[in-house]
Amino acid sequence: MIKAQEWLDKNYPKNQRGDIKKLDISKKNLEGTLDLSDFVNLEELDCSNNFFTCITIVHNNKQLLTNQLLDWEEKEEIAESNSSKSSSISEEIRELNKLMKKLARVEEEKDRKENAQSQVELNRILVPDNLTSLDISNNNFLQQDLSIFSWLVSLQRLLIGNSDEEKFQSGIYNKFCGSLSYLKSLTKLECLDISNTDVDGGLAELSKNEKWM
């Protein structure tokens, strides 16, 4: 098998990723984790029939906090250089800087806990709104419910099931479980595959969407 991130970095230069709207990396015999956060305009993602255990498809909101923190530190330095004229402004900026540092530490701790609990990293703060198709079927995601998909409100296709019998018999398959009710906010959903998973119940919630099949 091939290390997923190494393969991606070799075949998709970072300076080109922002222009890609459709990414098909299915059936590449890729394993491990994959960071697709540079594909900010992604509309369709097919990474089925591999051996992924973790995929990041969006920016990390910690980067936003880092940028804000640097911005405040820069303003603080400027204010301190003119402290005789703007002591009150300098003090205010120092207090804001302390607050931003505290928020950054809280966010880092939150990310650490979330990354330990979830095998699919999906960040609802900076997710591309135009993601309409997500296919992660026939991989190796650990047991978790469908709440991680509940905010992907633009999705029309969501494929998370298992159809590879050989991999299934070997214990290599997506282990999603729980209720479909987590997907009730996906009102544009037209195609859903949960075959050979432990997802059960909640179908009535989806039947409210007339387009759903």
N, C-alpha and C. Protein backbone atom coordinates (compact mmCIF):
# COMPACT_ATOMS: atom_id res chain seq x y z
N MET A 1 0.83 -1.20 0.00
CA MET A 1 0.00 0.00 0.00
C MET A 1 0.87 1.26 0.00
N ILE A 2 0.27 2.37 -0.38
CA ILE A 2 0.98 3.62 -0.57
C ILE A 2 0.56 4.62 0.51
N LYS A 3 1.51 5.34 1.07
CA LYS A 3 1.19 6.37 2.05
C LYS A 3 0.43 7.50 1.36
N ALA A 4 -0.76 7.77 1.87
CA ALA A 4 -1.68 8.68 1.19
C ALA A 4 -1.12 10.09 1.03
N GLN A 5 -0.61 10.66 2.12
CA GLN A 5 -0.17 12.06 2.06
C GLN A 5 1.04 12.23 1.15
N GLU A 6 1.93 11.26 1.15
CA GLU A 6 3.09 11.32 0.27
C GLU A 6 2.66 11.28 -1.19
N TRP A 7 1.69 10.44 -1.48
CA TRP A 7 1.19 10.34 -2.85
C TRP A 7 0.53 11.64 -3.28
N LEU A 8 -0.26 12.23 -2.38
CA LEU A 8 -0.96 13.47 -2.70
C LEU A 8 0.04 14.61 -2.96
N ASP A 9 1.03 14.74 -2.10
CA ASP A 9 2.01 15.82 -2.24
C ASP A 9 2.81 15.68 -3.54
N LYS A 10 3.00 14.45 -3.97
CA LYS A 10 3.75 14.21 -5.20
C LYS A 10 2.92 14.52 -6.44
N ASN A 11 1.63 14.25 -6.39
CA ASN A 11 0.78 14.37 -7.57
C ASN A 11 -0.03 15.67 -7.65
N TYR A 12 -0.17 16.38 -6.53
CA TYR A 12 -0.96 17.60 -6.51
C TYR A 12 -0.18 18.71 -5.80
N PRO A 13 0.59 19.51 -6.56
CA PRO A 13 1.35 20.62 -5.95
C PRO A 13 0.42 21.56 -5.18
N LYS A 14 0.88 22.07 -4.06
CA LYS A 14 0.04 22.89 -3.19
C LYS A 14 -0.45 24.16 -3.88
N ASN A 15 0.37 24.71 -4.79
CA ASN A 15 -0.03 25.96 -5.44
C ASN A 15 -1.13 25.76 -6.48
N GLN A 16 -1.51 24.50 -6.74
CA GLN A 16 -2.58 24.22 -7.70
C GLN A 16 -3.87 23.73 -7.04
N ARG A 17 -3.81 23.41 -5.78
CA ARG A 17 -4.94 22.77 -5.11
C ARG A 17 -6.16 23.68 -4.98
N GLY A 18 -5.93 24.96 -4.84
CA GLY A 18 -7.04 25.89 -4.67
C GLY A 18 -7.93 26.01 -5.89
N ASP A 19 -7.43 25.57 -7.06
CA ASP A 19 -8.21 25.66 -8.30
C ASP A 19 -9.03 24.40 -8.58
N ILE A 20 -8.81 23.36 -7.81
CA ILE A 20 -9.46 22.07 -8.07
C ILE A 20 -10.84 22.01 -7.43
N LYS A 21 -11.85 21.68 -8.24
CA LYS A 21 -13.22 21.56 -7.76
C LYS A 21 -13.66 20.09 -7.64
N LYS A 22 -13.05 19.22 -8.42
CA LYS A 22 -13.41 17.80 -8.39
C LYS A 22 -12.14 16.98 -8.21
N LEU A 23 -12.14 16.14 -7.18
CA LEU A 23 -10.96 15.33 -6.87
C LEU A 23 -11.36 13.86 -6.78
N ASP A 24 -10.79 13.05 -7.66
CA ASP A 24 -11.05 11.61 -7.66
C ASP A 24 -9.75 10.87 -7.41
N ILE A 25 -9.61 10.34 -6.22
CA ILE A 25 -8.41 9.57 -5.87
C ILE A 25 -8.83 8.17 -5.40
N SER A 26 -9.90 7.67 -5.99
CA SER A 26 -10.41 6.34 -5.64
C SER A 26 -9.51 5.25 -6.23
N LYS A 27 -9.53 4.11 -5.57
CA LYS A 27 -8.84 2.91 -6.06
C LYS A 27 -7.35 3.15 -6.31
N LYS A 28 -6.71 3.85 -5.40
CA LYS A 28 -5.28 4.13 -5.52
C LYS A 28 -4.44 3.32 -4.54
N ASN A 29 -5.11 2.46 -3.76
CA ASN A 29 -4.41 1.64 -2.78
C ASN A 29 -3.70 2.51 -1.73
N LEU A 30 -4.35 3.61 -1.36
CA LEU A 30 -3.76 4.55 -0.41
C LEU A 30 -4.17 4.19 1.02
N GLU A 31 -3.27 4.41 1.96
CA GLU A 31 -3.55 4.09 3.35
C GLU A 31 -3.18 5.24 4.28
N GLY A 32 -3.74 5.19 5.49
CA GLY A 32 -3.38 6.16 6.51
C GLY A 32 -4.28 7.38 6.52
N THR A 33 -3.69 8.53 6.85
CA THR A 33 -4.45 9.77 6.95
C THR A 33 -4.18 10.65 5.74
N LEU A 34 -5.11 11.59 5.50
CA LEU A 34 -5.00 12.45 4.33
C LEU A 34 -5.48 13.85 4.67
N ASP A 35 -4.66 14.85 4.38
CA ASP A 35 -5.00 16.25 4.64
C ASP A 35 -5.31 16.93 3.32
N LEU A 36 -6.60 17.27 3.13
CA LEU A 36 -7.05 17.94 1.91
C LEU A 36 -7.44 19.39 2.17
N SER A 37 -6.94 19.96 3.24
CA SER A 37 -7.39 21.29 3.66
C SER A 37 -6.98 22.39 2.70
N ASP A 38 -6.05 22.12 1.79
CA ASP A 38 -5.66 23.13 0.79
C ASP A 38 -6.63 23.19 -0.38
N PHE A 39 -7.51 22.22 -0.49
CA PHE A 39 -8.48 22.18 -1.59
C PHE A 39 -9.72 22.98 -1.17
N VAL A 40 -9.58 24.29 -1.12
CA VAL A 40 -10.60 25.14 -0.50
C VAL A 40 -11.84 25.32 -1.38
N ASN A 41 -11.75 24.99 -2.66
CA ASN A 41 -12.91 25.15 -3.56
C ASN A 41 -13.49 23.81 -3.99
N LEU A 42 -13.21 22.78 -3.23
CA LEU A 42 -13.63 21.43 -3.58
C LEU A 42 -15.15 21.30 -3.57
N GLU A 43 -15.69 20.75 -4.66
CA GLU A 43 -17.13 20.50 -4.76
C GLU A 43 -17.45 19.01 -4.72
N GLU A 44 -16.57 18.18 -5.28
CA GLU A 44 -16.80 16.75 -5.31
C GLU A 44 -15.53 16.01 -4.89
N LEU A 45 -15.67 15.10 -3.96
CA LEU A 45 -14.54 14.32 -3.46
C LEU A 45 -14.88 12.84 -3.49
N ASP A 46 -14.06 12.08 -4.20
CA ASP A 46 -14.20 10.62 -4.26
C ASP A 46 -12.87 10.00 -3.84
N CYS A 47 -12.84 9.46 -2.65
CA CYS A 47 -11.63 8.78 -2.17
C CYS A 47 -12.00 7.36 -1.74
N SER A 48 -12.98 6.80 -2.42
CA SER A 48 -13.47 5.46 -2.09
C SER A 48 -12.46 4.38 -2.47
N ASN A 49 -12.68 3.21 -1.89
CA ASN A 49 -11.88 2.02 -2.21
C ASN A 49 -10.39 2.23 -1.96
N ASN A 50 -10.09 2.75 -0.77
CA ASN A 50 -8.72 2.84 -0.30
C ASN A 50 -8.67 2.26 1.11
N PHE A 51 -7.74 2.73 1.92
CA PHE A 51 -7.60 2.22 3.29
C PHE A 51 -7.46 3.38 4.28
N PHE A 52 -8.18 4.47 4.03
CA PHE A 52 -8.08 5.65 4.88
C PHE A 52 -8.68 5.40 6.26
N THR A 53 -8.05 6.00 7.25
CA THR A 53 -8.59 6.00 8.61
C THR A 53 -8.95 7.42 9.06
N CYS A 54 -8.42 8.42 8.38
CA CYS A 54 -8.68 9.81 8.78
C CYS A 54 -8.50 10.73 7.58
N ILE A 55 -9.45 11.64 7.38
CA ILE A 55 -9.37 12.60 6.29
C ILE A 55 -9.70 13.99 6.81
N THR A 56 -8.87 14.97 6.49
CA THR A 56 -9.15 16.37 6.80
C THR A 56 -9.48 17.07 5.50
N ILE A 57 -10.68 17.62 5.38
CA ILE A 57 -11.07 18.21 4.10
C ILE A 57 -11.26 19.72 4.18
N VAL A 58 -10.90 20.34 5.32
CA VAL A 58 -11.10 21.78 5.45
C VAL A 58 -9.94 22.40 6.21
N HIS A 59 -9.94 23.73 6.25
CA HIS A 59 -8.94 24.46 7.01
C HIS A 59 -9.08 24.18 8.50
N ASN A 60 -7.99 24.33 9.21
CA ASN A 60 -8.02 24.25 10.66
C ASN A 60 -8.29 25.63 11.20
N ASN A 61 -9.33 25.79 12.02
CA ASN A 61 -9.67 27.12 12.52
C ASN A 61 -8.61 27.69 13.45
N LYS A 62 -7.67 26.84 13.88
CA LYS A 62 -6.58 27.35 14.71
C LYS A 62 -5.71 28.32 13.92
N GLN A 63 -5.63 28.12 12.60
CA GLN A 63 -4.86 29.02 11.76
C GLN A 63 -5.44 30.43 11.81
N LEU A 64 -6.77 30.51 11.84
CA LEU A 64 -7.43 31.82 11.93
C LEU A 64 -7.04 32.52 13.22
N LEU A 65 -7.06 31.79 14.33
CA LEU A 65 -6.67 32.37 15.60
C LEU A 65 -5.20 32.79 15.59
N THR A 66 -4.34 31.99 14.95
CA THR A 66 -2.93 32.32 14.88
C THR A 66 -2.73 33.63 14.13
N ASN A 67 -3.43 33.80 13.02
CA ASN A 67 -3.32 35.03 12.25
C ASN A 67 -3.80 36.23 13.05
N GLN A 68 -4.90 36.07 13.79
CA GLN A 68 -5.41 37.16 14.61
C GLN A 68 -4.41 37.51 15.71
N LEU A 69 -3.81 36.49 16.31
CA LEU A 69 -2.87 36.72 17.39
C LEU A 69 -1.64 37.49 16.88
N LEU A 70 -1.12 37.12 15.73
CA LEU A 70 0.02 37.81 15.15
C LEU A 70 -0.32 39.25 14.85
N ASP A 71 -1.54 39.47 14.39
CA ASP A 71 -1.99 40.81 14.07
C ASP A 71 -2.01 41.69 15.32
N TRP A 72 -2.54 41.15 16.43
CA TRP A 72 -2.58 41.91 17.67
C TRP A 72 -1.19 42.15 18.21
N GLU A 73 -0.29 41.17 18.11
CA GLU A 73 1.07 41.35 18.60
C GLU A 73 1.80 42.44 17.83
N GLU A 74 1.54 42.49 16.52
CA GLU A 74 2.15 43.54 15.70
C GLU A 74 1.67 44.91 16.14
N LYS A 75 0.36 45.04 16.41
CA LYS A 75 -0.19 46.31 16.87
C LYS A 75 0.35 46.68 18.24
N GLU A 76 0.58 45.66 19.06
CA GLU A 76 1.11 45.93 20.40
C GLU A 76 2.52 46.51 20.32
N GLU A 77 3.35 45.94 19.43
CA GLU A 77 4.71 46.44 19.27
C GLU A 77 4.71 47.89 18.81
N ILE A 78 3.80 48.20 17.88
CA ILE A 78 3.71 49.58 17.39
C ILE A 78 3.28 50.52 18.51
N ALA A 79 2.30 50.09 19.28
CA ALA A 79 1.81 50.91 20.38
C ALA A 79 2.88 51.14 21.43
N GLU A 80 3.66 50.09 21.73
CA GLU A 80 4.70 50.22 22.74
C GLU A 80 5.81 51.17 22.29
N SER A 81 6.07 51.19 20.97
CA SER A 81 7.10 52.08 20.45
C SER A 81 6.68 53.54 20.55
N ASN A 82 5.38 53.77 20.73
CA ASN A 82 4.85 55.12 20.89
C ASN A 82 4.15 55.27 22.23
N SER A 83 4.69 54.61 23.25
CA SER A 83 4.00 54.52 24.53
C SER A 83 3.78 55.88 25.18
N SER A 84 4.68 56.80 24.96
CA SER A 84 4.53 58.11 25.58
C SER A 84 3.32 58.85 25.06
N LYS A 85 2.86 58.50 23.87
CA LYS A 85 1.72 59.18 23.27
C LYS A 85 0.43 58.38 23.37
N SER A 86 0.58 57.08 23.55
CA SER A 86 -0.63 56.25 23.49
C SER A 86 -0.60 55.16 24.55
N SER A 87 -0.35 55.50 25.78
CA SER A 87 -0.24 54.50 26.85
C SER A 87 -1.55 53.76 27.05
N SER A 88 -2.67 54.47 26.96
CA SER A 88 -3.97 53.82 27.16
C SER A 88 -4.27 52.84 26.04
N ILE A 89 -3.91 53.19 24.81
CA ILE A 89 -4.12 52.29 23.67
C ILE A 89 -3.25 51.06 23.82
N SER A 90 -2.02 51.25 24.23
CA SER A 90 -1.10 50.14 24.43
C SER A 90 -1.64 49.16 25.46
N GLU A 91 -2.16 49.67 26.56
CA GLU A 91 -2.71 48.82 27.60
C GLU A 91 -3.90 48.02 27.09
N GLU A 92 -4.75 48.67 26.31
CA GLU A 92 -5.92 47.99 25.75
C GLU A 92 -5.50 46.86 24.82
N ILE A 93 -4.51 47.13 24.01
CA ILE A 93 -4.04 46.11 23.07
C ILE A 93 -3.39 44.95 23.81
N ARG A 94 -2.67 45.25 24.89
CA ARG A 94 -2.06 44.17 25.68
C ARG A 94 -3.13 43.26 26.27
N GLU A 95 -4.24 43.87 26.74
CA GLU A 95 -5.33 43.07 27.29
C GLU A 95 -5.97 42.21 26.21
N LEU A 96 -6.15 42.79 25.02
CA LEU A 96 -6.71 42.03 23.91
C LEU A 96 -5.78 40.89 23.50
N ASN A 97 -4.49 41.17 23.55
CA ASN A 97 -3.51 40.15 23.20
C ASN A 97 -3.57 38.97 24.17
N LYS A 98 -3.72 39.30 25.47
CA LYS A 98 -3.85 38.24 26.47
C LYS A 98 -5.08 37.39 26.19
N LEU A 99 -6.17 38.07 25.82
CA LEU A 99 -7.41 37.36 25.52
C LEU A 99 -7.24 36.44 24.32
N MET A 100 -6.57 36.93 23.27
CA MET A 100 -6.37 36.12 22.07
C MET A 100 -5.50 34.90 22.37
N LYS A 101 -4.49 35.10 23.21
CA LYS A 101 -3.64 33.97 23.59
C LYS A 101 -4.44 32.93 24.37
N LYS A 102 -5.32 33.40 25.24
CA LYS A 102 -6.16 32.48 26.01
C LYS A 102 -7.10 31.72 25.09
N LEU A 103 -7.70 32.42 24.12
CA LEU A 103 -8.59 31.76 23.16
C LEU A 103 -7.82 30.74 22.33
N ALA A 104 -6.59 31.07 21.96
CA ALA A 104 -5.78 30.14 21.16
C ALA A 104 -5.49 28.87 21.95
N ARG A 105 -5.19 29.02 23.27
CA ARG A 105 -4.93 27.84 24.09
C ARG A 105 -6.18 26.99 24.24
N VAL A 106 -7.33 27.63 24.41
CA VAL A 106 -8.60 26.90 24.51
C VAL A 106 -8.87 26.16 23.21
N GLU A 107 -8.62 26.80 22.08
CA GLU A 107 -8.88 26.18 20.78
C GLU A 107 -7.95 25.01 20.54
N GLU A 108 -6.69 25.14 20.94
CA GLU A 108 -5.74 24.04 20.80
C GLU A 108 -6.17 22.83 21.62
N GLU A 109 -6.63 23.07 22.85
CA GLU A 109 -7.09 21.98 23.70
C GLU A 109 -8.34 21.33 23.12
N LYS A 110 -9.24 22.15 22.56
CA LYS A 110 -10.45 21.62 21.93
C LYS A 110 -10.09 20.76 20.74
N ASP A 111 -9.17 21.24 19.91
CA ASP A 111 -8.74 20.47 18.73
C ASP A 111 -8.12 19.14 19.14
N ARG A 112 -7.31 19.18 20.22
CA ARG A 112 -6.66 17.95 20.68
C ARG A 112 -7.68 16.90 21.07
N LYS A 113 -8.72 17.33 21.80
CA LYS A 113 -9.76 16.40 22.25
C LYS A 113 -10.57 15.90 21.07
N GLU A 114 -10.94 16.79 20.17
CA GLU A 114 -11.76 16.40 19.03
C GLU A 114 -11.01 15.45 18.10
N ASN A 115 -9.72 15.71 17.89
CA ASN A 115 -8.94 14.85 17.00
C ASN A 115 -8.75 13.47 17.60
N ALA A 116 -8.75 13.39 18.93
CA ALA A 116 -8.61 12.09 19.57
C ALA A 116 -9.90 11.29 19.49
N GLN A 117 -11.03 11.98 19.36
CA GLN A 117 -12.32 11.30 19.39
C GLN A 117 -12.85 10.99 18.00
N SER A 118 -12.53 11.81 17.02
CA SER A 118 -13.13 11.66 15.70
C SER A 118 -12.10 11.26 14.67
N GLN A 119 -12.42 10.26 13.89
CA GLN A 119 -11.52 9.78 12.86
C GLN A 119 -11.74 10.48 11.52
N VAL A 120 -12.79 11.23 11.41
CA VAL A 120 -13.01 12.06 10.24
C VAL A 120 -13.00 13.50 10.71
N GLU A 121 -11.99 14.26 10.35
CA GLU A 121 -11.88 15.62 10.83
C GLU A 121 -12.63 16.53 9.87
N LEU A 122 -13.73 17.07 10.33
CA LEU A 122 -14.53 17.96 9.51
C LEU A 122 -14.78 19.23 10.31
N ASN A 123 -14.25 20.33 9.85
CA ASN A 123 -14.32 21.57 10.61
C ASN A 123 -15.46 22.43 10.11
N ARG A 124 -16.45 22.71 10.95
CA ARG A 124 -17.64 23.40 10.51
C ARG A 124 -17.47 24.91 10.44
N ILE A 125 -16.31 25.43 10.84
CA ILE A 125 -16.08 26.87 10.81
C ILE A 125 -15.70 27.34 9.40
N LEU A 126 -14.78 26.66 8.77
CA LEU A 126 -14.25 27.11 7.49
C LEU A 126 -14.45 26.10 6.38
N VAL A 127 -15.49 25.33 6.45
CA VAL A 127 -15.74 24.33 5.42
C VAL A 127 -16.22 24.99 4.13
N PRO A 128 -15.75 24.49 2.97
CA PRO A 128 -16.26 25.02 1.71
C PRO A 128 -17.77 24.78 1.60
N ASP A 129 -18.54 25.82 1.37
CA ASP A 129 -19.99 25.68 1.30
C ASP A 129 -20.45 24.93 0.06
N ASN A 130 -19.55 24.77 -0.92
CA ASN A 130 -19.96 24.20 -2.20
C ASN A 130 -19.67 22.71 -2.31
N LEU A 131 -19.35 22.03 -1.22
CA LEU A 131 -19.11 20.59 -1.28
C LEU A 131 -20.44 19.87 -1.45
N THR A 132 -20.64 19.28 -2.63
CA THR A 132 -21.92 18.64 -2.95
C THR A 132 -21.85 17.13 -2.99
N SER A 133 -20.65 16.57 -3.12
CA SER A 133 -20.52 15.12 -3.23
C SER A 133 -19.35 14.63 -2.41
N LEU A 134 -19.60 13.64 -1.55
CA LEU A 134 -18.56 13.06 -0.71
C LEU A 134 -18.68 11.55 -0.73
N ASP A 135 -17.65 10.90 -1.23
CA ASP A 135 -17.63 9.44 -1.32
C ASP A 135 -16.41 8.91 -0.57
N ILE A 136 -16.64 8.32 0.59
CA ILE A 136 -15.56 7.71 1.38
C ILE A 136 -15.86 6.23 1.61
N SER A 137 -16.62 5.64 0.73
CA SER A 137 -17.01 4.24 0.88
C SER A 137 -15.81 3.31 0.75
N ASN A 138 -15.94 2.13 1.37
CA ASN A 138 -14.91 1.09 1.29
C ASN A 138 -13.55 1.56 1.77
N ASN A 139 -13.53 2.18 2.94
CA ASN A 139 -12.27 2.54 3.58
C ASN A 139 -12.19 1.85 4.93
N ASN A 140 -11.65 2.51 5.94
CA ASN A 140 -11.43 1.84 7.23
C ASN A 140 -11.65 2.80 8.39
N PHE A 141 -12.72 3.61 8.33
CA PHE A 141 -13.00 4.56 9.39
C PHE A 141 -13.54 3.84 10.63
N LEU A 142 -13.08 4.29 11.78
CA LEU A 142 -13.46 3.65 13.03
C LEU A 142 -14.90 3.96 13.41
N GLN A 143 -15.40 3.28 14.44
CA GLN A 143 -16.81 3.41 14.82
C GLN A 143 -17.14 4.82 15.29
N GLN A 144 -18.18 5.40 14.70
CA GLN A 144 -18.66 6.73 15.06
C GLN A 144 -20.01 6.95 14.41
N ASP A 145 -20.80 7.89 14.97
CA ASP A 145 -22.12 8.15 14.39
C ASP A 145 -22.02 9.15 13.24
N LEU A 146 -23.17 9.54 12.71
CA LEU A 146 -23.20 10.39 11.52
C LEU A 146 -23.25 11.88 11.84
N SER A 147 -23.09 12.24 13.09
CA SER A 147 -23.15 13.66 13.46
C SER A 147 -22.07 14.48 12.78
N ILE A 148 -20.97 13.84 12.40
CA ILE A 148 -19.87 14.56 11.75
C ILE A 148 -20.26 15.08 10.37
N PHE A 149 -21.35 14.56 9.80
CA PHE A 149 -21.80 15.01 8.49
C PHE A 149 -22.98 15.99 8.58
N SER A 150 -23.48 16.25 9.77
CA SER A 150 -24.76 16.96 9.93
C SER A 150 -24.74 18.40 9.43
N TRP A 151 -23.57 19.01 9.35
CA TRP A 151 -23.48 20.41 8.94
C TRP A 151 -23.12 20.59 7.46
N LEU A 152 -22.94 19.48 6.73
CA LEU A 152 -22.60 19.56 5.30
C LEU A 152 -23.88 19.74 4.49
N VAL A 153 -24.50 20.88 4.67
CA VAL A 153 -25.86 21.10 4.18
C VAL A 153 -25.98 21.20 2.67
N SER A 154 -24.86 21.31 1.96
CA SER A 154 -24.91 21.39 0.50
C SER A 154 -24.78 20.02 -0.17
N LEU A 155 -24.56 18.99 0.63
CA LEU A 155 -24.35 17.66 0.05
C LEU A 155 -25.58 17.15 -0.70
N GLN A 156 -25.33 16.63 -1.90
CA GLN A 156 -26.35 15.95 -2.69
C GLN A 156 -26.08 14.45 -2.73
N ARG A 157 -24.81 14.07 -2.57
CA ARG A 157 -24.41 12.66 -2.56
C ARG A 157 -23.52 12.41 -1.35
N LEU A 158 -23.85 11.38 -0.57
CA LEU A 158 -23.04 10.97 0.56
C LEU A 158 -22.93 9.45 0.56
N LEU A 159 -21.74 8.96 0.28
CA LEU A 159 -21.52 7.52 0.17
C LEU A 159 -20.49 7.10 1.22
N ILE A 160 -20.95 6.33 2.22
CA ILE A 160 -20.08 5.94 3.33
C ILE A 160 -20.15 4.44 3.59
N GLY A 161 -20.79 3.70 2.72
CA GLY A 161 -21.02 2.28 2.95
C GLY A 161 -19.86 1.38 2.57
N ASN A 162 -20.15 0.07 2.57
CA ASN A 162 -19.14 -0.95 2.27
C ASN A 162 -19.70 -1.94 1.25
N SER A 163 -18.96 -2.16 0.18
CA SER A 163 -19.39 -3.13 -0.83
C SER A 163 -18.28 -4.09 -1.23
N ASP A 164 -17.10 -3.90 -0.64
CA ASP A 164 -15.97 -4.78 -0.94
C ASP A 164 -15.98 -5.94 0.05
N GLU A 165 -16.47 -7.08 -0.38
CA GLU A 165 -16.66 -8.22 0.52
C GLU A 165 -15.33 -8.73 1.08
N GLU A 166 -14.29 -8.73 0.26
CA GLU A 166 -13.00 -9.24 0.73
C GLU A 166 -12.44 -8.39 1.86
N LYS A 167 -12.51 -7.06 1.70
CA LYS A 167 -12.04 -6.17 2.76
C LYS A 167 -12.92 -6.30 3.99
N PHE A 168 -14.23 -6.44 3.77
CA PHE A 168 -15.17 -6.55 4.88
C PHE A 168 -14.87 -7.77 5.72
N GLN A 169 -14.63 -8.89 5.07
CA GLN A 169 -14.31 -10.13 5.79
C GLN A 169 -12.99 -10.05 6.54
N SER A 170 -12.13 -9.15 6.09
CA SER A 170 -10.83 -8.97 6.75
C SER A 170 -10.88 -7.92 7.86
N GLY A 171 -12.06 -7.38 8.10
CA GLY A 171 -12.21 -6.38 9.15
C GLY A 171 -11.82 -4.98 8.73
N ILE A 172 -11.66 -4.78 7.42
CA ILE A 172 -11.30 -3.46 6.90
C ILE A 172 -12.53 -2.86 6.24
N TYR A 173 -13.24 -2.02 6.99
CA TYR A 173 -14.47 -1.43 6.45
C TYR A 173 -14.86 -0.22 7.31
N ASN A 174 -15.75 0.60 6.78
CA ASN A 174 -16.25 1.76 7.52
C ASN A 174 -17.22 1.31 8.61
N LYS A 175 -16.96 1.73 9.82
CA LYS A 175 -17.74 1.25 10.96
C LYS A 175 -18.70 2.33 11.49
N PHE A 176 -19.37 3.03 10.59
CA PHE A 176 -20.34 4.05 11.00
C PHE A 176 -21.55 3.38 11.65
N CYS A 177 -22.15 4.09 12.60
CA CYS A 177 -23.27 3.51 13.34
C CYS A 177 -24.23 4.62 13.76
N GLY A 178 -25.32 4.22 14.42
CA GLY A 178 -26.26 5.20 14.96
C GLY A 178 -27.42 5.51 14.03
N SER A 179 -28.00 6.68 14.21
CA SER A 179 -29.23 7.05 13.53
C SER A 179 -29.01 7.95 12.33
N LEU A 180 -29.91 7.83 11.36
CA LEU A 180 -29.91 8.72 10.20
C LEU A 180 -30.42 10.11 10.54
N SER A 181 -30.99 10.27 11.71
CA SER A 181 -31.58 11.56 12.09
C SER A 181 -30.55 12.68 12.10
N TYR A 182 -29.26 12.33 12.23
CA TYR A 182 -28.22 13.35 12.18
C TYR A 182 -28.15 14.04 10.82
N LEU A 183 -28.73 13.42 9.80
CA LEU A 183 -28.65 13.96 8.45
C LEU A 183 -29.90 14.76 8.06
N LYS A 184 -30.77 15.04 8.99
CA LYS A 184 -32.03 15.69 8.65
C LYS A 184 -31.83 17.12 8.13
N SER A 185 -30.69 17.72 8.45
CA SER A 185 -30.42 19.08 7.95
C SER A 185 -29.90 19.07 6.51
N LEU A 186 -29.61 17.89 5.97
CA LEU A 186 -29.10 17.79 4.60
C LEU A 186 -30.29 17.73 3.64
N THR A 187 -30.96 18.82 3.46
CA THR A 187 -32.20 18.85 2.69
C THR A 187 -31.98 18.72 1.19
N LYS A 188 -30.74 18.84 0.74
CA LYS A 188 -30.44 18.69 -0.69
C LYS A 188 -29.99 17.28 -1.05
N LEU A 189 -29.92 16.41 -0.06
CA LEU A 189 -29.41 15.07 -0.26
C LEU A 189 -30.32 14.26 -1.18
N GLU A 190 -29.73 13.70 -2.23
CA GLU A 190 -30.47 12.90 -3.21
C GLU A 190 -29.98 11.45 -3.26
N CYS A 191 -28.75 11.22 -2.86
CA CYS A 191 -28.19 9.87 -2.94
C CYS A 191 -27.41 9.58 -1.66
N LEU A 192 -27.76 8.47 -1.00
CA LEU A 192 -27.12 8.09 0.25
C LEU A 192 -26.83 6.60 0.25
N ASP A 193 -25.58 6.24 0.55
CA ASP A 193 -25.19 4.84 0.64
C ASP A 193 -24.63 4.55 2.02
N ILE A 194 -25.34 3.71 2.78
CA ILE A 194 -24.89 3.28 4.11
C ILE A 194 -24.82 1.76 4.18
N SER A 195 -24.68 1.12 3.03
CA SER A 195 -24.71 -0.34 2.96
C SER A 195 -23.64 -0.98 3.83
N ASN A 196 -24.03 -2.05 4.51
CA ASN A 196 -23.13 -2.83 5.36
C ASN A 196 -22.46 -1.99 6.45
N THR A 197 -23.21 -1.05 7.01
CA THR A 197 -22.78 -0.34 8.21
C THR A 197 -23.78 -0.64 9.31
N ASP A 198 -23.54 -0.10 10.50
CA ASP A 198 -24.46 -0.30 11.61
C ASP A 198 -25.37 0.90 11.81
N VAL A 199 -25.57 1.69 10.75
CA VAL A 199 -26.50 2.81 10.81
C VAL A 199 -27.92 2.26 10.80
N ASP A 200 -28.74 2.69 11.76
CA ASP A 200 -30.07 2.11 11.89
C ASP A 200 -31.03 3.14 12.47
N GLY A 201 -32.20 3.27 11.87
CA GLY A 201 -33.21 4.18 12.39
C GLY A 201 -33.07 5.60 11.86
N GLY A 202 -34.13 6.38 12.06
CA GLY A 202 -34.11 7.78 11.66
C GLY A 202 -34.51 8.04 10.23
N LEU A 203 -34.97 7.01 9.53
CA LEU A 203 -35.34 7.16 8.12
C LEU A 203 -36.48 8.16 7.94
N ALA A 204 -37.38 8.22 8.90
CA ALA A 204 -38.51 9.13 8.81
C ALA A 204 -38.06 10.58 8.74
N GLU A 205 -36.95 10.89 9.37
CA GLU A 205 -36.44 12.25 9.34
C GLU A 205 -36.01 12.64 7.93
N LEU A 206 -35.46 11.69 7.19
CA LEU A 206 -34.99 11.97 5.83
C LEU A 206 -36.13 11.97 4.83
N SER A 207 -37.20 11.25 5.12
CA SER A 207 -38.30 11.16 4.17
C SER A 207 -39.02 12.49 3.98
N LYS A 208 -38.73 13.46 4.88
CA LYS A 208 -39.32 14.79 4.72
C LYS A 208 -38.75 15.52 3.52
N ASN A 209 -37.58 15.06 3.06
CA ASN A 209 -36.98 15.65 1.87
C ASN A 209 -37.46 14.86 0.66
N GLU A 210 -38.29 15.48 -0.19
CA GLU A 210 -38.93 14.77 -1.30
C GLU A 210 -37.93 14.26 -2.33
N LYS A 211 -36.74 14.89 -2.40
CA LYS A 211 -35.77 14.48 -3.39
C LYS A 211 -34.97 13.26 -2.95
N TRP A 212 -35.02 12.98 -1.64
CA TRP A 212 -34.18 11.90 -1.13
C TRP A 212 -34.62 10.55 -1.66
N MET A 213 -33.64 9.72 -2.03
CA MET A 213 -33.93 8.36 -2.51
C MET A 213 -33.24 7.38 -1.57
